[in-house]
Amino acid sequence: MIGVVVALIFSGISWYASLIPAGVSYWLLMQYLPAAQRFRA
């Protein structure tokens, strides 16, 4: 979702602009959501 919003804001470089926020938000969610704790190494 965050990647989509950033891609819409920066439409000229949408793929590159959305990659970093989407990756960071995924990493943060995997770090702090209780349901994702079972996937941590």
PDB file of N, CA and C in Angstrom:
ATOM      1  N   MET A   1       0.808  -1.186   0.000  1.00  0.00           N
ATOM      2  CA  MET A   1       0.000   0.000   0.000  1.00  0.00           C
ATOM      3  C   MET A   1       0.859   1.261   0.000  1.00  0.00           C
ATOM      4  N   ILE A   2       1.887   1.263   0.824  1.00  0.00           N
ATOM      5  CA  ILE A   2       2.771   2.424   0.890  1.00  0.00           C
ATOM      6  C   ILE A   2       3.512   2.595  -0.422  1.00  0.00           C
ATOM      7  N   GLY A   3       3.932   1.496  -1.027  1.00  0.00           N
ATOM      8  CA  GLY A   3       4.597   1.572  -2.316  1.00  0.00           C
ATOM      9  C   GLY A   3       3.699   2.121  -3.408  1.00  0.00           C
ATOM     10  N   VAL A   4       2.427   1.787  -3.354  1.00  0.00           N
ATOM     11  CA  VAL A   4       1.471   2.288  -4.351  1.00  0.00           C
ATOM     12  C   VAL A   4       1.285   3.793  -4.210  1.00  0.00           C
ATOM     13  N   VAL A   5       1.183   4.270  -2.985  1.00  0.00           N
ATOM     14  CA  VAL A   5       1.015   5.708  -2.761  1.00  0.00           C
ATOM     15  C   VAL A   5       2.236   6.471  -3.256  1.00  0.00           C
ATOM     16  N   VAL A   6       3.415   5.982  -2.958  1.00  0.00           N
ATOM     17  CA  VAL A   6       4.636   6.646  -3.414  1.00  0.00           C
ATOM     18  C   VAL A   6       4.731   6.589  -4.935  1.00  0.00           C
ATOM     19  N   ALA A   7       4.333   5.476  -5.534  1.00  0.00           N
ATOM     20  CA  ALA A   7       4.366   5.367  -6.992  1.00  0.00           C
ATOM     21  C   ALA A   7       3.418   6.350  -7.649  1.00  0.00           C
ATOM     22  N   LEU A   8       2.285   6.604  -7.033  1.00  0.00           N
ATOM     23  CA  LEU A   8       1.346   7.572  -7.595  1.00  0.00           C
ATOM     24  C   LEU A   8       1.861   9.005  -7.451  1.00  0.00           C
ATOM     25  N   ILE A   9       2.561   9.284  -6.372  1.00  0.00           N
ATOM     26  CA  ILE A   9       3.110  10.623  -6.171  1.00  0.00           C
ATOM     27  C   ILE A   9       4.253  10.884  -7.158  1.00  0.00           C
ATOM     28  N   PHE A  10       5.166   9.935  -7.284  1.00  0.00           N
ATOM     29  CA  PHE A  10       6.310  10.065  -8.185  1.00  0.00           C
ATOM     30  C   PHE A  10       6.071   9.215  -9.427  1.00  0.00           C
ATOM     31  N   SER A  11       5.135   9.609 -10.257  1.00  0.00           N
ATOM     32  CA  SER A  11       4.722   8.766 -11.381  1.00  0.00           C
ATOM     33  C   SER A  11       5.790   8.635 -12.460  1.00  0.00           C
ATOM     34  N   GLY A  12       6.719   9.559 -12.560  1.00  0.00           N
ATOM     35  CA  GLY A  12       7.759   9.475 -13.586  1.00  0.00           C
ATOM     36  C   GLY A  12       8.735   8.337 -13.344  1.00  0.00           C
ATOM     37  N   ILE A  13       9.007   8.056 -12.088  1.00  0.00           N
ATOM     38  CA  ILE A  13       9.936   6.981 -11.730  1.00  0.00           C
ATOM     39  C   ILE A  13       9.239   6.003 -10.787  1.00  0.00           C
ATOM     40  N   SER A  14       8.008   5.642 -11.113  1.00  0.00           N
ATOM     41  CA  SER A  14       7.144   4.926 -10.183  1.00  0.00           C
ATOM     42  C   SER A  14       7.732   3.606  -9.689  1.00  0.00           C
ATOM     43  N   TRP A  15       8.330   2.812 -10.571  1.00  0.00           N
ATOM     44  CA  TRP A  15       8.826   1.508 -10.141  1.00  0.00           C
ATOM     45  C   TRP A  15       9.963   1.661  -9.142  1.00  0.00           C
ATOM     46  N   TYR A  16      10.876   2.541  -9.439  1.00  0.00           N
ATOM     47  CA  TYR A  16      12.009   2.745  -8.540  1.00  0.00           C
ATOM     48  C   TYR A  16      11.587   3.445  -7.261  1.00  0.00           C
ATOM     49  N   ALA A  17      10.682   4.400  -7.364  1.00  0.00           N
ATOM     50  CA  ALA A  17      10.241   5.149  -6.188  1.00  0.00           C
ATOM     51  C   ALA A  17       9.432   4.284  -5.242  1.00  0.00           C
ATOM     52  N   SER A  18       8.741   3.291  -5.737  1.00  0.00           N
ATOM     53  CA  SER A  18       7.906   2.465  -4.868  1.00  0.00           C
ATOM     54  C   SER A  18       8.666   1.284  -4.271  1.00  0.00           C
ATOM     55  N   LEU A  19       9.799   0.930  -4.824  1.00  0.00           N
ATOM     56  CA  LEU A  19      10.528  -0.244  -4.352  1.00  0.00           C
ATOM     57  C   LEU A  19      11.046  -0.066  -2.931  1.00  0.00           C
ATOM     58  N   ILE A  20      11.651   1.061  -2.644  1.00  0.00           N
ATOM     59  CA  ILE A  20      12.254   1.272  -1.326  1.00  0.00           C
ATOM     60  C   ILE A  20      11.194   1.393  -0.225  1.00  0.00           C
ATOM     61  N   PRO A  21      10.169   2.248  -0.357  1.00  0.00           N
ATOM     62  CA  PRO A  21       9.163   2.306   0.724  1.00  0.00           C
ATOM     63  C   PRO A  21       8.423   0.986   0.934  1.00  0.00           C
ATOM     64  N   ALA A  22       8.167   0.260  -0.139  1.00  0.00           N
ATOM     65  CA  ALA A  22       7.486  -1.029   0.009  1.00  0.00           C
ATOM     66  C   ALA A  22       8.377  -2.020   0.754  1.00  0.00           C
ATOM     67  N   GLY A  23       9.653  -2.049   0.419  1.00  0.00           N
ATOM     68  CA  GLY A  23      10.581  -2.950   1.100  1.00  0.00           C
ATOM     69  C   GLY A  23      10.769  -2.605   2.563  1.00  0.00           C
ATOM     70  N   VAL A  24      10.880  -1.315   2.856  1.00  0.00           N
ATOM     71  CA  VAL A  24      11.059  -0.880   4.247  1.00  0.00           C
ATOM     72  C   VAL A  24       9.807  -1.173   5.065  1.00  0.00           C
ATOM     73  N   SER A  25       8.633  -0.909   4.507  1.00  0.00           N
ATOM     74  CA  SER A  25       7.409  -1.181   5.260  1.00  0.00           C
ATOM     75  C   SER A  25       7.227  -2.687   5.488  1.00  0.00           C
ATOM     76  N   TYR A  26       7.597  -3.505   4.515  1.00  0.00           N
ATOM     77  CA  TYR A  26       7.520  -4.957   4.694  1.00  0.00           C
ATOM     78  C   TYR A  26       8.468  -5.409   5.803  1.00  0.00           C
ATOM     79  N   TRP A  27       9.684  -4.880   5.787  1.00  0.00           N
ATOM     80  CA  TRP A  27      10.665  -5.252   6.800  1.00  0.00           C
ATOM     81  C   TRP A  27      10.183  -4.856   8.198  1.00  0.00           C
ATOM     82  N   LEU A  28       9.636  -3.629   8.312  1.00  0.00           N
ATOM     83  CA  LEU A  28       9.145  -3.179   9.614  1.00  0.00           C
ATOM     84  C   LEU A  28       7.974  -4.029  10.103  1.00  0.00           C
ATOM     85  N   LEU A  29       7.060  -4.364   9.201  1.00  0.00           N
ATOM     86  CA  LEU A  29       5.935  -5.200   9.604  1.00  0.00           C
ATOM     87  C   LEU A  29       6.394  -6.588  10.027  1.00  0.00           C
ATOM     88  N   MET A  30       7.370  -7.138   9.336  1.00  0.00           N
ATOM     89  CA  MET A  30       7.873  -8.465   9.697  1.00  0.00           C
ATOM     90  C   MET A  30       8.633  -8.429  11.018  1.00  0.00           C
ATOM     91  N   GLN A  31       9.173  -7.298  11.390  1.00  0.00           N
ATOM     92  CA  GLN A  31       9.892  -7.190  12.650  1.00  0.00           C
ATOM     93  C   GLN A  31       8.941  -7.092  13.847  1.00  0.00           C
ATOM     94  N   TYR A  32       7.811  -6.426  13.675  1.00  0.00           N
ATOM     95  CA  TYR A  32       6.997  -6.060  14.833  1.00  0.00           C
ATOM     96  C   TYR A  32       5.636  -6.730  14.929  1.00  0.00           C
ATOM     97  N   LEU A  33       5.158  -7.366  13.881  1.00  0.00           N
ATOM     98  CA  LEU A  33       3.866  -8.037  13.986  1.00  0.00           C
ATOM     99  C   LEU A  33       4.014  -9.384  14.693  1.00  0.00           C
ATOM    100  N   PRO A  34       3.162  -9.658  15.650  1.00  0.00           N
ATOM    101  CA  PRO A  34       3.269 -10.935  16.371  1.00  0.00           C
ATOM    102  C   PRO A  34       3.080 -12.153  15.470  1.00  0.00           C
ATOM    103  N   ALA A  35       2.241 -12.041  14.453  1.00  0.00           N
ATOM    104  CA  ALA A  35       2.005 -13.188  13.577  1.00  0.00           C
ATOM    105  C   ALA A  35       3.231 -13.525  12.743  1.00  0.00           C
ATOM    106  N   ALA A  36       4.128 -12.582  12.537  1.00  0.00           N
ATOM    107  CA  ALA A  36       5.316 -12.819  11.722  1.00  0.00           C
ATOM    108  C   ALA A  36       6.489 -13.351  12.541  1.00  0.00           C
ATOM    109  N   GLN A  37       6.355 -13.442  13.832  1.00  0.00           N
ATOM    110  CA  GLN A  37       7.479 -13.864  14.684  1.00  0.00           C
ATOM    111  C   GLN A  37       7.898 -15.299  14.407  1.00  0.00           C
ATOM    112  N   ARG A  38       6.998 -16.116  13.944  1.00  0.00           N
ATOM    113  CA  ARG A  38       7.369 -17.515  13.695  1.00  0.00           C
ATOM    114  C   ARG A  38       8.251 -17.674  12.476  1.00  0.00           C
ATOM    115  N   PHE A  39       8.350 -16.643  11.620  1.00  0.00           N
ATOM    116  CA  PHE A  39       9.183 -16.717  10.424  1.00  0.00           C
ATOM    117  C   PHE A  39      10.591 -16.196  10.662  1.00  0.00           C
ATOM    118  N   ARG A  40      10.843 -15.604  11.819  1.00  0.00           N
ATOM    119  CA  ARG A  40      12.173 -15.073  12.110  1.00  0.00           C
ATOM    120  C   ARG A  40      13.149 -16.214  12.341  1.00  0.00           C
ATOM    121  N   ALA A  41      14.327 -16.023  11.898  1.00  0.00           N
ATOM    122  CA  ALA A  41      15.351 -17.068  12.040  1.00  0.00           C
ATOM    123  C   ALA A  41      15.972 -17.058  13.416  1.00  0.00           C
TER     124      ALA A  41
END
